[in-house]
Structures are given as structure tokens and as C-alpha cells.
């Protein structure tokens, strides 16, 4: 395994929840330890913040209000996939829109959610 591979980073975009609600939903979904807007599960770190590229229409997921930056640490790839999958499915079950943008979308439920929102 190299220090930089396809599982090192994921950007997850969320629409339909406030930042605080997104943090709480994510913490419950993955059993994470919370430190402000930063969550940790094992060596995986998830920063949940307002998206700097947010637009009012929010038509494209990169412009949705919440962005999660998920960094692997030294977690095994299966744990990264499981963690991101849980966040996506919990967000969808709560009625929120969520899309993961990463190099392993094809290993996530509904290909990271992208097919749900394309025209």
C-alpha cells in the first residue's frame, strides 16, 4: 500500500440539513467521537463545514451547503468504504440529499449517490 491512494480522501456534499444537524447525523451514523466540527472514527477524520462554493440554487452537488472532507488516516480501505457508505445511507434515510465525490464512488451505495441527482 502506498501513502497516497484512491481511498485517502473523499468530499461528501449534503443538502437539506444545517451544519449542526449534519454533524449530529454523521456522528450517530458512524459512532464517531466529536471535537467541534471534526469527527473521528479510528484514524478516519471527517470535517463538516459550510461549503465555500455554496450557491442559492444549489443545482449541482458541488454547490450544496454542507461539505464533508473525509480523510483516511491509516485506516484500511474497507473501513473507509464502510464509513462513507454509512454516512450516505443515513443521510438518505433522513431525507437529505448526499453525494460522495471520490475515486472509489463505484464501491459505494448507488455509486456515491451521483446517479440520484443528475439530469
PDB file of N, CA and C in Angstrom:
ATOM      1  N   UNK A   1       0.849  -1.179   0.000  1.00  0.00           N
ATOM      2  CA  UNK A   1       0.000   0.000   0.000  1.00  0.00           C
ATOM      3  C   UNK A   1       0.891   1.237   0.000  1.00  0.00           C
ATOM      4  N   UNK A   2       0.525   2.205  -0.808  1.00  0.00           N
ATOM      5  CA  UNK A   2       1.269   3.459  -0.845  1.00  0.00           C
ATOM      6  C   UNK A   2       0.637   4.445   0.121  1.00  0.00           C
ATOM      7  N   UNK A   3       1.378   5.515   0.403  1.00  0.00           N
ATOM      8  CA  UNK A   3       0.859   6.509   1.339  1.00  0.00           C
ATOM      9  C   UNK A   3      -0.233   7.361   0.698  1.00  0.00           C
ATOM     10  N   UNK A   4      -0.330   7.353  -0.603  1.00  0.00           N
ATOM     11  CA  UNK A   4      -1.368   8.110  -1.292  1.00  0.00           C
ATOM     12  C   UNK A   4      -2.048   7.191  -2.303  1.00  0.00           C
ATOM     13  N   UNK A   5      -3.280   6.874  -2.043  1.00  0.00           N
ATOM     14  CA  UNK A   5      -4.019   6.061  -2.998  1.00  0.00           C
ATOM     15  C   UNK A   5      -5.459   6.528  -3.077  1.00  0.00           C
ATOM     16  N   UNK A   6      -6.262   5.787  -3.781  1.00  0.00           N
ATOM     17  CA  UNK A   6      -7.624   6.209  -4.085  1.00  0.00           C
ATOM     18  C   UNK A   6      -8.541   6.351  -2.873  1.00  0.00           C
ATOM     19  N   UNK A   7      -8.177   5.807  -1.738  1.00  0.00           N
ATOM     20  CA  UNK A   7      -9.022   5.858  -0.546  1.00  0.00           C
ATOM     21  C   UNK A   7      -8.636   6.960   0.446  1.00  0.00           C
ATOM     22  N   UNK A   8      -7.650   7.751   0.117  1.00  0.00           N
ATOM     23  CA  UNK A   8      -7.143   8.752   1.051  1.00  0.00           C
ATOM     24  C   UNK A   8      -8.113   9.895   1.335  1.00  0.00           C
ATOM     25  N   UNK A   9      -8.971  10.266   0.368  1.00  0.00           N
ATOM     26  CA  UNK A   9      -9.802  11.456   0.522  1.00  0.00           C
ATOM     27  C   UNK A   9     -11.148  11.254  -0.152  1.00  0.00           C
ATOM     28  N   UNK A  10     -12.166  11.835   0.456  1.00  0.00           N
ATOM     29  CA  UNK A  10     -13.499  11.886  -0.143  1.00  0.00           C
ATOM     30  C   UNK A  10     -14.142  13.203   0.244  1.00  0.00           C
ATOM     31  N   UNK A  11     -14.759  13.851  -0.714  1.00  0.00           N
ATOM     32  CA  UNK A  11     -15.590  15.014  -0.448  1.00  0.00           C
ATOM     33  C   UNK A  11     -17.040  14.560  -0.504  1.00  0.00           C
ATOM     34  N   UNK A  12     -17.789  14.790   0.552  1.00  0.00           N
ATOM     35  CA  UNK A  12     -19.194  14.394   0.574  1.00  0.00           C
ATOM     36  C   UNK A  12     -20.022  15.658   0.730  1.00  0.00           C
ATOM     37  N   UNK A  13     -20.968  15.843  -0.171  1.00  0.00           N
ATOM     38  CA  UNK A  13     -21.799  17.046  -0.207  1.00  0.00           C
ATOM     39  C   UNK A  13     -23.194  16.704   0.279  1.00  0.00           C
ATOM     40  N   UNK A  14     -23.779  17.623   1.072  1.00  0.00           N
ATOM     41  CA  UNK A  14     -25.072  17.376   1.696  1.00  0.00           C
ATOM     42  C   UNK A  14     -25.973  18.586   1.517  1.00  0.00           C
ATOM     43  N   UNK A  15     -27.229  18.291   1.248  1.00  0.00           N
ATOM     44  CA  UNK A  15     -28.242  19.346   1.116  1.00  0.00           C
ATOM     45  C   UNK A  15     -29.463  18.927   1.929  1.00  0.00           C
ATOM     46  N   UNK A  16     -30.027  19.877   2.658  1.00  0.00           N
ATOM     47  CA  UNK A  16     -31.249  19.616   3.405  1.00  0.00           C
ATOM     48  C   UNK A  16     -31.063  19.556   4.906  1.00  0.00           C
ATOM     49  N   UNK A  17     -29.848  19.826   5.380  1.00  0.00           N
ATOM     50  CA  UNK A  17     -29.588  19.815   6.815  1.00  0.00           C
ATOM     51  C   UNK A  17     -28.666  20.979   7.159  1.00  0.00           C
ATOM     52  N   UNK A  18     -28.816  21.505   8.347  1.00  0.00           N
ATOM     53  CA  UNK A  18     -27.893  22.533   8.832  1.00  0.00           C
ATOM     54  C   UNK A  18     -26.552  21.875   9.142  1.00  0.00           C
ATOM     55  N   UNK A  19     -25.538  22.691   9.377  1.00  0.00           N
ATOM     56  CA  UNK A  19     -24.228  22.150   9.723  1.00  0.00           C
ATOM     57  C   UNK A  19     -24.312  21.329  11.015  1.00  0.00           C
ATOM     58  N   UNK A  20     -24.978  21.851  12.009  1.00  0.00           N
ATOM     59  CA  UNK A  20     -25.100  21.134  13.274  1.00  0.00           C
ATOM     60  C   UNK A  20     -25.850  19.820  13.102  1.00  0.00           C
ATOM     61  N   UNK A  21     -26.943  19.839  12.334  1.00  0.00           N
ATOM     62  CA  UNK A  21     -27.696  18.606  12.082  1.00  0.00           C
ATOM     63  C   UNK A  21     -26.848  17.595  11.311  1.00  0.00           C
ATOM     64  N   UNK A  22     -26.037  18.080  10.375  1.00  0.00           N
ATOM     65  CA  UNK A  22     -25.154  17.194   9.605  1.00  0.00           C
ATOM     66  C   UNK A  22     -24.109  16.550  10.509  1.00  0.00           C
ATOM     67  N   UNK A  23     -23.583  17.319  11.444  1.00  0.00           N
ATOM     68  CA  UNK A  23     -22.595  16.785  12.385  1.00  0.00           C
ATOM     69  C   UNK A  23     -23.231  15.702  13.250  1.00  0.00           C
ATOM     70  N   UNK A  24     -24.406  15.984  13.792  1.00  0.00           N
ATOM     71  CA  UNK A  24     -25.086  15.023  14.659  1.00  0.00           C
ATOM     72  C   UNK A  24     -25.467  13.758  13.897  1.00  0.00           C
ATOM     73  N   UNK A  25     -26.016  13.907  12.707  1.00  0.00           N
ATOM     74  CA  UNK A  25     -26.396  12.766  11.893  1.00  0.00           C
ATOM     75  C   UNK A  25     -25.181  11.889  11.595  1.00  0.00           C
ATOM     76  N   UNK A  26     -24.084  12.514  11.219  1.00  0.00           N
ATOM     77  CA  UNK A  26     -22.863  11.779  10.882  1.00  0.00           C
ATOM     78  C   UNK A  26     -22.286  11.082  12.102  1.00  0.00           C
ATOM     79  N   UNK A  27     -22.247  11.759  13.228  1.00  0.00           N
ATOM     80  CA  UNK A  27     -21.720  11.161  14.462  1.00  0.00           C
ATOM     81  C   UNK A  27     -22.520   9.917  14.843  1.00  0.00           C
ATOM     82  N   UNK A  28     -23.840  10.005  14.743  1.00  0.00           N
ATOM     83  CA  UNK A  28     -24.696   8.848  15.057  1.00  0.00           C
ATOM     84  C   UNK A  28     -24.491   7.727  14.042  1.00  0.00           C
ATOM     85  N   UNK A  29     -24.370   8.077  12.776  1.00  0.00           N
ATOM     86  CA  UNK A  29     -24.246   7.069  11.717  1.00  0.00           C
ATOM     87  C   UNK A  29     -23.010   6.206  11.872  1.00  0.00           C
ATOM     88  N   UNK A  30     -21.922   6.814  12.316  1.00  0.00           N
ATOM     89  CA  UNK A  30     -20.651   6.086  12.338  1.00  0.00           C
ATOM     90  C   UNK A  30     -20.085   5.877  13.734  1.00  0.00           C
ATOM     91  N   UNK A  31     -20.785   6.354  14.764  1.00  0.00           N
ATOM     92  CA  UNK A  31     -20.295   6.197  16.127  1.00  0.00           C
ATOM     93  C   UNK A  31     -19.009   6.962  16.369  1.00  0.00           C
ATOM     94  N   UNK A  32     -18.953   8.176  15.836  1.00  0.00           N
ATOM     95  CA  UNK A  32     -17.727   8.971  15.879  1.00  0.00           C
ATOM     96  C   UNK A  32     -17.587   9.757  17.169  1.00  0.00           C
ATOM     97  N   UNK A  33     -16.361  10.082  17.473  1.00  0.00           N
ATOM     98  CA  UNK A  33     -16.026  10.996  18.560  1.00  0.00           C
ATOM     99  C   UNK A  33     -16.007  12.396  17.971  1.00  0.00           C
ATOM    100  N   UNK A  34     -16.673  13.332  18.644  1.00  0.00           N
ATOM    101  CA  UNK A  34     -16.806  14.697  18.112  1.00  0.00           C
ATOM    102  C   UNK A  34     -15.870  15.658  18.816  1.00  0.00           C
ATOM    103  N   UNK A  35     -15.252  16.523  17.999  1.00  0.00           N
ATOM    104  CA  UNK A  35     -14.431  17.622  18.509  1.00  0.00           C
ATOM    105  C   UNK A  35     -14.804  18.842  17.674  1.00  0.00           C
ATOM    106  N   UNK A  36     -15.851  19.555  18.108  1.00  0.00           N
ATOM    107  CA  UNK A  36     -16.352  20.683  17.318  1.00  0.00           C
ATOM    108  C   UNK A  36     -16.973  20.175  16.031  1.00  0.00           C
ATOM    109  N   UNK A  37     -16.469  20.658  14.902  1.00  0.00           N
ATOM    110  CA  UNK A  37     -16.989  20.205  13.613  1.00  0.00           C
ATOM    111  C   UNK A  37     -16.153  19.069  13.026  1.00  0.00           C
ATOM    112  N   UNK A  38     -15.241  18.551  13.822  1.00  0.00           N
ATOM    113  CA  UNK A  38     -14.392  17.435  13.406  1.00  0.00           C
ATOM    114  C   UNK A  38     -14.848  16.166  14.111  1.00  0.00           C
ATOM    115  N   UNK A  39     -15.022  15.105  13.319  1.00  0.00           N
ATOM    116  CA  UNK A  39     -15.404  13.806  13.857  1.00  0.00           C
ATOM    117  C   UNK A  39     -14.279  12.821  13.577  1.00  0.00           C
ATOM    118  N   UNK A  40     -14.111  11.877  14.494  1.00  0.00           N
ATOM    119  CA  UNK A  40     -13.090  10.842  14.312  1.00  0.00           C
ATOM    120  C   UNK A  40     -13.698   9.483  14.592  1.00  0.00           C
ATOM    121  N   UNK A  41     -13.383   8.552  13.716  1.00  0.00           N
ATOM    122  CA  UNK A  41     -13.705   7.150  13.947  1.00  0.00           C
ATOM    123  C   UNK A  41     -12.443   6.381  13.562  1.00  0.00           C
ATOM    124  N   UNK A  42     -11.787   5.807  14.555  1.00  0.00           N
ATOM    125  CA  UNK A  42     -10.469   5.221  14.315  1.00  0.00           C
ATOM    126  C   UNK A  42      -9.525   6.332  13.871  1.00  0.00           C
ATOM    127  N   UNK A  43      -8.831   6.113  12.768  1.00  0.00           N
ATOM    128  CA  UNK A  43      -7.932   7.147  12.242  1.00  0.00           C
ATOM    129  C   UNK A  43      -8.582   7.982  11.142  1.00  0.00           C
ATOM    130  N   UNK A  44      -9.847   7.704  10.845  1.00  0.00           N
ATOM    131  CA  UNK A  44     -10.563   8.481   9.832  1.00  0.00           C
ATOM    132  C   UNK A  44     -11.034   9.783  10.471  1.00  0.00           C
ATOM    133  N   UNK A  45     -10.773  10.903   9.796  1.00  0.00           N
ATOM    134  CA  UNK A  45     -11.229  12.213  10.264  1.00  0.00           C
ATOM    135  C   UNK A  45     -12.206  12.799   9.259  1.00  0.00           C
ATOM    136  N   UNK A  46     -13.278  13.372   9.786  1.00  0.00           N
ATOM    137  CA  UNK A  46     -14.320  13.974   8.958  1.00  0.00           C
ATOM    138  C   UNK A  46     -14.557  15.385   9.452  1.00  0.00           C
ATOM    139  N   UNK A  47     -14.250  16.353   8.602  1.00  0.00           N
ATOM    140  CA  UNK A  47     -14.539  17.749   8.932  1.00  0.00           C
ATOM    141  C   UNK A  47     -15.817  18.132   8.211  1.00  0.00           C
ATOM    142  N   UNK A  48     -16.774  18.656   8.959  1.00  0.00           N
ATOM    143  CA  UNK A  48     -18.066  19.041   8.398  1.00  0.00           C
ATOM    144  C   UNK A  48     -18.179  20.554   8.509  1.00  0.00           C
ATOM    145  N   UNK A  49     -18.314  21.206   7.356  1.00  0.00           N
ATOM    146  CA  UNK A  49     -18.333  22.665   7.359  1.00  0.00           C
ATOM    147  C   UNK A  49     -19.284  23.184   6.291  1.00  0.00           C
ATOM    148  N   UNK A  50     -19.567  24.473   6.386  1.00  0.00           N
ATOM    149  CA  UNK A  50     -20.338  25.140   5.332  1.00  0.00           C
ATOM    150  C   UNK A  50     -19.479  25.153   4.076  1.00  0.00           C
ATOM    151  N   UNK A  51     -20.085  24.890   2.951  1.00  0.00           N
ATOM    152  CA  UNK A  51     -19.376  24.834   1.673  1.00  0.00           C
ATOM    153  C   UNK A  51     -19.111  26.245   1.159  1.00  0.00           C
ATOM    154  N   UNK A  52     -17.858  26.570   0.945  1.00  0.00           N
ATOM    155  CA  UNK A  52     -17.483  27.887   0.412  1.00  0.00           C
ATOM    156  C   UNK A  52     -18.028  28.125  -0.988  1.00  0.00           C
ATOM    157  N   UNK A  53     -18.341  27.066  -1.713  1.00  0.00           N
ATOM    158  CA  UNK A  53     -18.845  27.179  -3.085  1.00  0.00           C
ATOM    159  C   UNK A  53     -20.364  27.073  -3.167  1.00  0.00           C
ATOM    160  N   UNK A  54     -21.032  27.225  -2.040  1.00  0.00           N
ATOM    161  CA  UNK A  54     -22.487  27.111  -1.998  1.00  0.00           C
ATOM    162  C   UNK A  54     -23.137  28.242  -2.804  1.00  0.00           C
ATOM    163  N   UNK A  55     -24.149  27.871  -3.580  1.00  0.00           N
ATOM    164  CA  UNK A  55     -24.938  28.862  -4.311  1.00  0.00           C
ATOM    165  C   UNK A  55     -26.392  28.753  -3.860  1.00  0.00           C
ATOM    166  N   UNK A  56     -27.167  29.769  -4.148  1.00  0.00           N
ATOM    167  CA  UNK A  56     -28.566  29.772  -3.716  1.00  0.00           C
ATOM    168  C   UNK A  56     -29.394  28.718  -4.423  1.00  0.00           C
ATOM    169  N   UNK A  57     -29.122  28.473  -5.706  1.00  0.00           N
ATOM    170  CA  UNK A  57     -29.935  27.479  -6.408  1.00  0.00           C
ATOM    171  C   UNK A  57     -29.504  26.058  -6.060  1.00  0.00           C
ATOM    172  N   UNK A  58     -28.219  25.846  -5.761  1.00  0.00           N
ATOM    173  CA  UNK A  58     -27.736  24.539  -5.344  1.00  0.00           C
ATOM    174  C   UNK A  58     -28.053  23.422  -6.315  1.00  0.00           C
ATOM    175  N   UNK A  59     -28.108  23.752  -7.605  1.00  0.00           N
ATOM    176  CA  UNK A  59     -28.481  22.759  -8.595  1.00  0.00           C
ATOM    177  C   UNK A  59     -27.458  21.623  -8.691  1.00  0.00           C
ATOM    178  N   UNK A  60     -26.198  21.927  -8.654  1.00  0.00           N
ATOM    179  CA  UNK A  60     -25.154  20.917  -8.764  1.00  0.00           C
ATOM    180  C   UNK A  60     -24.603  20.611  -7.373  1.00  0.00           C
ATOM    181  N   UNK A  61     -24.382  19.332  -7.094  1.00  0.00           N
ATOM    182  CA  UNK A  61     -23.972  18.951  -5.740  1.00  0.00           C
ATOM    183  C   UNK A  61     -22.719  19.646  -5.234  1.00  0.00           C
ATOM    184  N   UNK A  62     -21.728  20.019  -6.075  1.00  0.00           N
ATOM    185  CA  UNK A  62     -20.577  20.739  -5.511  1.00  0.00           C
ATOM    186  C   UNK A  62     -20.933  22.122  -4.948  1.00  0.00           C
ATOM    187  N   UNK A  63     -22.167  22.569  -5.196  1.00  0.00           N
ATOM    188  CA  UNK A  63     -22.597  23.861  -4.666  1.00  0.00           C
ATOM    189  C   UNK A  63     -23.591  23.711  -3.515  1.00  0.00           C
ATOM    190  N   UNK A  64     -23.783  22.494  -3.016  1.00  0.00           N
ATOM    191  CA  UNK A  64     -24.689  22.276  -1.889  1.00  0.00           C
ATOM    192  C   UNK A  64     -24.100  22.878  -0.612  1.00  0.00           C
ATOM    193  N   UNK A  65     -24.936  23.184   0.364  1.00  0.00           N
ATOM    194  CA  UNK A  65     -24.496  23.960   1.536  1.00  0.00           C
ATOM    195  C   UNK A  65     -23.465  23.306   2.456  1.00  0.00           C
ATOM    196  N   UNK A  66     -23.470  21.987   2.579  1.00  0.00           N
ATOM    197  CA  UNK A  66     -22.576  21.317   3.525  1.00  0.00           C
ATOM    198  C   UNK A  66     -21.554  20.474   2.760  1.00  0.00           C
ATOM    199  N   UNK A  67     -20.299  20.591   3.170  1.00  0.00           N
ATOM    200  CA  UNK A  67     -19.249  19.755   2.592  1.00  0.00           C
ATOM    201  C   UNK A  67     -18.539  19.028   3.729  1.00  0.00           C
ATOM    202  N   UNK A  68     -18.392  17.729   3.550  1.00  0.00           N
ATOM    203  CA  UNK A  68     -17.629  16.905   4.485  1.00  0.00           C
ATOM    204  C   UNK A  68     -16.326  16.517   3.806  1.00  0.00           C
ATOM    205  N   UNK A  69     -15.237  16.750   4.486  1.00  0.00           N
ATOM    206  CA  UNK A  69     -13.938  16.324   3.977  1.00  0.00           C
ATOM    207  C   UNK A  69     -13.511  15.124   4.807  1.00  0.00           C
ATOM    208  N   UNK A  70     -13.434  13.978   4.152  1.00  0.00           N
ATOM    209  CA  UNK A  70     -13.162  12.716   4.824  1.00  0.00           C
ATOM    210  C   UNK A  70     -11.750  12.268   4.468  1.00  0.00           C
ATOM    211  N   UNK A  71     -10.913  12.169   5.484  1.00  0.00           N
ATOM    212  CA  UNK A  71      -9.520  11.763   5.286  1.00  0.00           C
ATOM    213  C   UNK A  71      -9.274  10.444   5.985  1.00  0.00           C
ATOM    214  N   UNK A  72      -8.616   9.567   5.314  1.00  0.00           N
ATOM    215  CA  UNK A  72      -8.433   8.179   5.706  1.00  0.00           C
ATOM    216  C   UNK A  72      -7.559   7.951   6.935  1.00  0.00           C
ATOM    217  N   UNK A  73      -6.545   8.735   7.120  1.00  0.00           N
ATOM    218  CA  UNK A  73      -5.548   8.383   8.129  1.00  0.00           C
ATOM    219  C   UNK A  73      -4.849   7.119   7.655  1.00  0.00           C
ATOM    220  N   UNK A  74      -4.722   6.125   8.518  1.00  0.00           N
ATOM    221  CA  UNK A  74      -4.133   4.862   8.077  1.00  0.00           C
ATOM    222  C   UNK A  74      -5.138   3.716   8.153  1.00  0.00           C
ATOM    223  N   UNK A  75      -6.430   4.059   8.091  1.00  0.00           N
ATOM    224  CA  UNK A  75      -7.488   3.050   8.145  1.00  0.00           C
ATOM    225  C   UNK A  75      -7.452   2.184   6.885  1.00  0.00           C
ATOM    226  N   UNK A  76      -7.813   0.917   7.016  1.00  0.00           N
ATOM    227  CA  UNK A  76      -7.878   0.059   5.830  1.00  0.00           C
ATOM    228  C   UNK A  76      -8.994   0.521   4.891  1.00  0.00           C
ATOM    229  N   UNK A  77      -8.834   0.239   3.618  1.00  0.00           N
ATOM    230  CA  UNK A  77      -9.793   0.717   2.616  1.00  0.00           C
ATOM    231  C   UNK A  77     -11.210   0.252   2.916  1.00  0.00           C
ATOM    232  N   UNK A  78     -11.407  -0.973   3.394  1.00  0.00           N
ATOM    233  CA  UNK A  78     -12.760  -1.456   3.671  1.00  0.00           C
ATOM    234  C   UNK A  78     -13.430  -0.627   4.762  1.00  0.00           C
ATOM    235  N   UNK A  79     -12.649  -0.115   5.731  1.00  0.00           N
ATOM    236  CA  UNK A  79     -13.225   0.724   6.784  1.00  0.00           C
ATOM    237  C   UNK A  79     -13.623   2.093   6.231  1.00  0.00           C
ATOM    238  N   UNK A  80     -12.835   2.615   5.318  1.00  0.00           N
ATOM    239  CA  UNK A  80     -13.168   3.895   4.688  1.00  0.00           C
ATOM    240  C   UNK A  80     -14.469   3.750   3.899  1.00  0.00           C
ATOM    241  N   UNK A  81     -14.569   2.704   3.102  1.00  0.00           N
ATOM    242  CA  UNK A  81     -15.778   2.465   2.306  1.00  0.00           C
ATOM    243  C   UNK A  81     -16.996   2.303   3.215  1.00  0.00           C
ATOM    244  N   UNK A  82     -16.852   1.538   4.274  1.00  0.00           N
ATOM    245  CA  UNK A  82     -17.947   1.315   5.220  1.00  0.00           C
ATOM    246  C   UNK A  82     -18.383   2.624   5.876  1.00  0.00           C
ATOM    247  N   UNK A  83     -17.432   3.449   6.266  1.00  0.00           N
ATOM    248  CA  UNK A  83     -17.732   4.719   6.928  1.00  0.00           C
ATOM    249  C   UNK A  83     -18.487   5.661   5.994  1.00  0.00           C
ATOM    250  N   UNK A  84     -17.984   5.844   4.786  1.00  0.00           N
ATOM    251  CA  UNK A  84     -18.644   6.736   3.831  1.00  0.00           C
ATOM    252  C   UNK A  84     -20.017   6.180   3.454  1.00  0.00           C
ATOM    253  N   UNK A  85     -20.117   4.879   3.300  1.00  0.00           N
ATOM    254  CA  UNK A  85     -21.409   4.248   2.972  1.00  0.00           C
ATOM    255  C   UNK A  85     -22.442   4.514   4.065  1.00  0.00           C
ATOM    256  N   UNK A  86     -22.046   4.406   5.318  1.00  0.00           N
ATOM    257  CA  UNK A  86     -22.967   4.658   6.432  1.00  0.00           C
ATOM    258  C   UNK A  86     -23.435   6.107   6.437  1.00  0.00           C
ATOM    259  N   UNK A  87     -22.529   7.031   6.166  1.00  0.00           N
ATOM    260  CA  UNK A  87     -22.919   8.446   6.144  1.00  0.00           C
ATOM    261  C   UNK A  87     -23.944   8.678   5.043  1.00  0.00           C
ATOM    262  N   UNK A  88     -23.661   8.171   3.852  1.00  0.00           N
ATOM    263  CA  UNK A  88     -24.593   8.338   2.730  1.00  0.00           C
ATOM    264  C   UNK A  88     -25.965   7.755   3.050  1.00  0.00           C
ATOM    265  N   UNK A  89     -26.006   6.506   3.476  1.00  0.00           N
ATOM    266  CA  UNK A  89     -27.300   5.854   3.689  1.00  0.00           C
ATOM    267  C   UNK A  89     -28.085   6.502   4.832  1.00  0.00           C
ATOM    268  N   UNK A  90     -27.398   6.926   5.884  1.00  0.00           N
ATOM    269  CA  UNK A  90     -28.105   7.615   6.970  1.00  0.00           C
ATOM    270  C   UNK A  90     -28.665   8.961   6.502  1.00  0.00           C
ATOM    271  N   UNK A  91     -27.905   9.678   5.688  1.00  0.00           N
ATOM    272  CA  UNK A  91     -28.391  10.956   5.157  1.00  0.00           C
ATOM    273  C   UNK A  91     -29.619  10.727   4.279  1.00  0.00           C
ATOM    274  N   UNK A  92     -29.561   9.746   3.392  1.00  0.00           N
ATOM    275  CA  UNK A  92     -30.707   9.458   2.522  1.00  0.00           C
ATOM    276  C   UNK A  92     -31.920   9.024   3.332  1.00  0.00           C
ATOM    277  N   UNK A  93     -31.713   8.185   4.334  1.00  0.00           N
ATOM    278  CA  UNK A  93     -32.822   7.726   5.171  1.00  0.00           C
ATOM    279  C   UNK A  93     -33.455   8.876   5.946  1.00  0.00           C
ATOM    280  N   UNK A  94     -32.656   9.895   6.256  1.00  0.00           N
ATOM    281  CA  UNK A  94     -33.176  11.072   6.968  1.00  0.00           C
ATOM    282  C   UNK A  94     -33.839  12.066   6.019  1.00  0.00           C
ATOM    283  N   UNK A  95     -33.841  11.759   4.724  1.00  0.00           N
ATOM    284  CA  UNK A  95     -34.495  12.622   3.739  1.00  0.00           C
ATOM    285  C   UNK A  95     -33.612  13.713   3.171  1.00  0.00           C
ATOM    286  N   UNK A  96     -32.302  13.620   3.374  1.00  0.00           N
ATOM    287  CA  UNK A  96     -31.370  14.615   2.858  1.00  0.00           C
ATOM    288  C   UNK A  96     -30.752  14.129   1.555  1.00  0.00           C
ATOM    289  N   UNK A  97     -30.316  15.071   0.743  1.00  0.00           N
ATOM    290  CA  UNK A  97     -29.568  14.752  -0.467  1.00  0.00           C
ATOM    291  C   UNK A  97     -28.098  14.643  -0.093  1.00  0.00           C
ATOM    292  N   UNK A  98     -27.415  13.620  -0.601  1.00  0.00           N
ATOM    293  CA  UNK A  98     -25.997  13.430  -0.301  1.00  0.00           C
ATOM    294  C   UNK A  98     -25.313  12.771  -1.494  1.00  0.00           C
ATOM    295  N   UNK A  99     -24.127  13.288  -1.807  1.00  0.00           N
ATOM    296  CA  UNK A  99     -23.303  12.736  -2.891  1.00  0.00           C
ATOM    297  C   UNK A  99     -21.854  12.714  -2.428  1.00  0.00           C
ATOM    298  N   UNK A 100     -21.187  11.584  -2.657  1.00  0.00           N
ATOM    299  CA  UNK A 100     -19.766  11.456  -2.359  1.00  0.00           C
ATOM    300  C   UNK A 100     -18.980  11.597  -3.652  1.00  0.00           C
ATOM    301  N   UNK A 101     -17.968  12.444  -3.630  1.00  0.00           N
ATOM    302  CA  UNK A 101     -17.090  12.640  -4.784  1.00  0.00           C
ATOM    303  C   UNK A 101     -15.706  12.121  -4.398  1.00  0.00           C
ATOM    304  N   UNK A 102     -15.340  10.965  -4.953  1.00  0.00           N
ATOM    305  CA  UNK A 102     -14.064  10.348  -4.607  1.00  0.00           C
ATOM    306  C   UNK A 102     -13.677   9.340  -5.685  1.00  0.00           C
ATOM    307  N   UNK A 103     -12.511   8.776  -5.552  1.00  0.00           N
ATOM    308  CA  UNK A 103     -12.015   7.814  -6.532  1.00  0.00           C
ATOM    309  C   UNK A 103     -12.603   6.423  -6.351  1.00  0.00           C
ATOM    310  N   UNK A 104     -13.423   6.226  -5.332  1.00  0.00           N
ATOM    311  CA  UNK A 104     -13.997   4.903  -5.096  1.00  0.00           C
ATOM    312  C   UNK A 104     -15.524   4.931  -5.071  1.00  0.00           C
ATOM    313  N   UNK A 105     -16.114   5.880  -5.787  1.00  0.00           N
ATOM    314  CA  UNK A 105     -17.569   6.001  -5.858  1.00  0.00           C
ATOM    315  C   UNK A 105     -18.236   4.703  -6.278  1.00  0.00           C
ATOM    316  N   UNK A 106     -17.582   3.968  -7.173  1.00  0.00           N
ATOM    317  CA  UNK A 106     -18.155   2.718  -7.676  1.00  0.00           C
ATOM    318  C   UNK A 106     -18.275   1.640  -6.599  1.00  0.00           C
ATOM    319  N   UNK A 107     -17.645   1.833  -5.451  1.00  0.00           N
ATOM    320  CA  UNK A 107     -17.713   0.873  -4.347  1.00  0.00           C
ATOM    321  C   UNK A 107     -18.703   1.300  -3.269  1.00  0.00           C
ATOM    322  N   UNK A 108     -19.358   2.437  -3.479  1.00  0.00           N
ATOM    323  CA  UNK A 108     -20.310   2.985  -2.509  1.00  0.00           C
ATOM    324  C   UNK A 108     -21.742   2.704  -2.946  1.00  0.00           C
ATOM    325  N   UNK A 109     -22.689   2.753  -2.010  1.00  0.00           N
ATOM    326  CA  UNK A 109     -24.095   2.571  -2.395  1.00  0.00           C
ATOM    327  C   UNK A 109     -24.491   3.589  -3.470  1.00  0.00           C
ATOM    328  N   UNK A 110     -25.231   3.117  -4.451  1.00  0.00           N
ATOM    329  CA  UNK A 110     -25.730   3.971  -5.545  1.00  0.00           C
ATOM    330  C   UNK A 110     -24.611   4.817  -6.159  1.00  0.00           C
ATOM    331  N   UNK A 111     -23.441   4.216  -6.283  1.00  0.00           N
ATOM    332  CA  UNK A 111     -22.264   4.872  -6.883  1.00  0.00           C
ATOM    333  C   UNK A 111     -21.987   6.238  -6.254  1.00  0.00           C
ATOM    334  N   UNK A 112     -22.127   6.313  -4.944  1.00  0.00           N
ATOM    335  CA  UNK A 112     -21.864   7.550  -4.211  1.00  0.00           C
ATOM    336  C   UNK A 112     -23.011   8.534  -4.233  1.00  0.00           C
ATOM    337  N   UNK A 113     -24.117   8.138  -4.847  1.00  0.00           N
ATOM    338  CA  UNK A 113     -25.298   9.000  -4.878  1.00  0.00           C
ATOM    339  C   UNK A 113     -25.418   9.853  -6.125  1.00  0.00           C
ATOM    340  N   UNK A 114     -24.372   9.925  -6.923  1.00  0.00           N
ATOM    341  CA  UNK A 114     -24.400  10.780  -8.112  1.00  0.00           C
ATOM    342  C   UNK A 114     -25.571  10.471  -9.048  1.00  0.00           C
ATOM    343  N   UNK A 115     -25.871   9.205  -9.338  1.00  0.00           N
ATOM    344  CA  UNK A 115     -26.990   8.923 -10.252  1.00  0.00           C
ATOM    345  C   UNK A 115     -28.344   9.442  -9.760  1.00  0.00           C
ATOM    346  N   UNK A 116     -28.488   9.668  -8.467  1.00  0.00           N
ATOM    347  CA  UNK A 116     -29.744  10.163  -7.920  1.00  0.00           C
ATOM    348  C   UNK A 116     -30.056  11.600  -8.348  1.00  0.00           C
ATOM    349  N   UNK A 117     -29.009  12.378  -8.671  1.00  0.00           N
ATOM    350  CA  UNK A 117     -29.203  13.813  -8.850  1.00  0.00           C
ATOM    351  C   UNK A 117     -28.817  14.354 -10.227  1.00  0.00           C
ATOM    352  N   UNK A 118     -28.355  13.518 -11.101  1.00  0.00           N
ATOM    353  CA  UNK A 118     -28.030  14.030 -12.430  1.00  0.00           C
ATOM    354  C   UNK A 118     -29.290  14.110 -13.272  1.00  0.00           C
ATOM    355  N   UNK A 119     -29.263  15.023 -14.203  1.00  0.00           N
ATOM    356  CA  UNK A 119     -30.447  15.246 -15.064  1.00  0.00           C
ATOM    357  C   UNK A 119     -30.595  14.176 -16.096  1.00  0.00           C
TER     358      UNK A 119
END
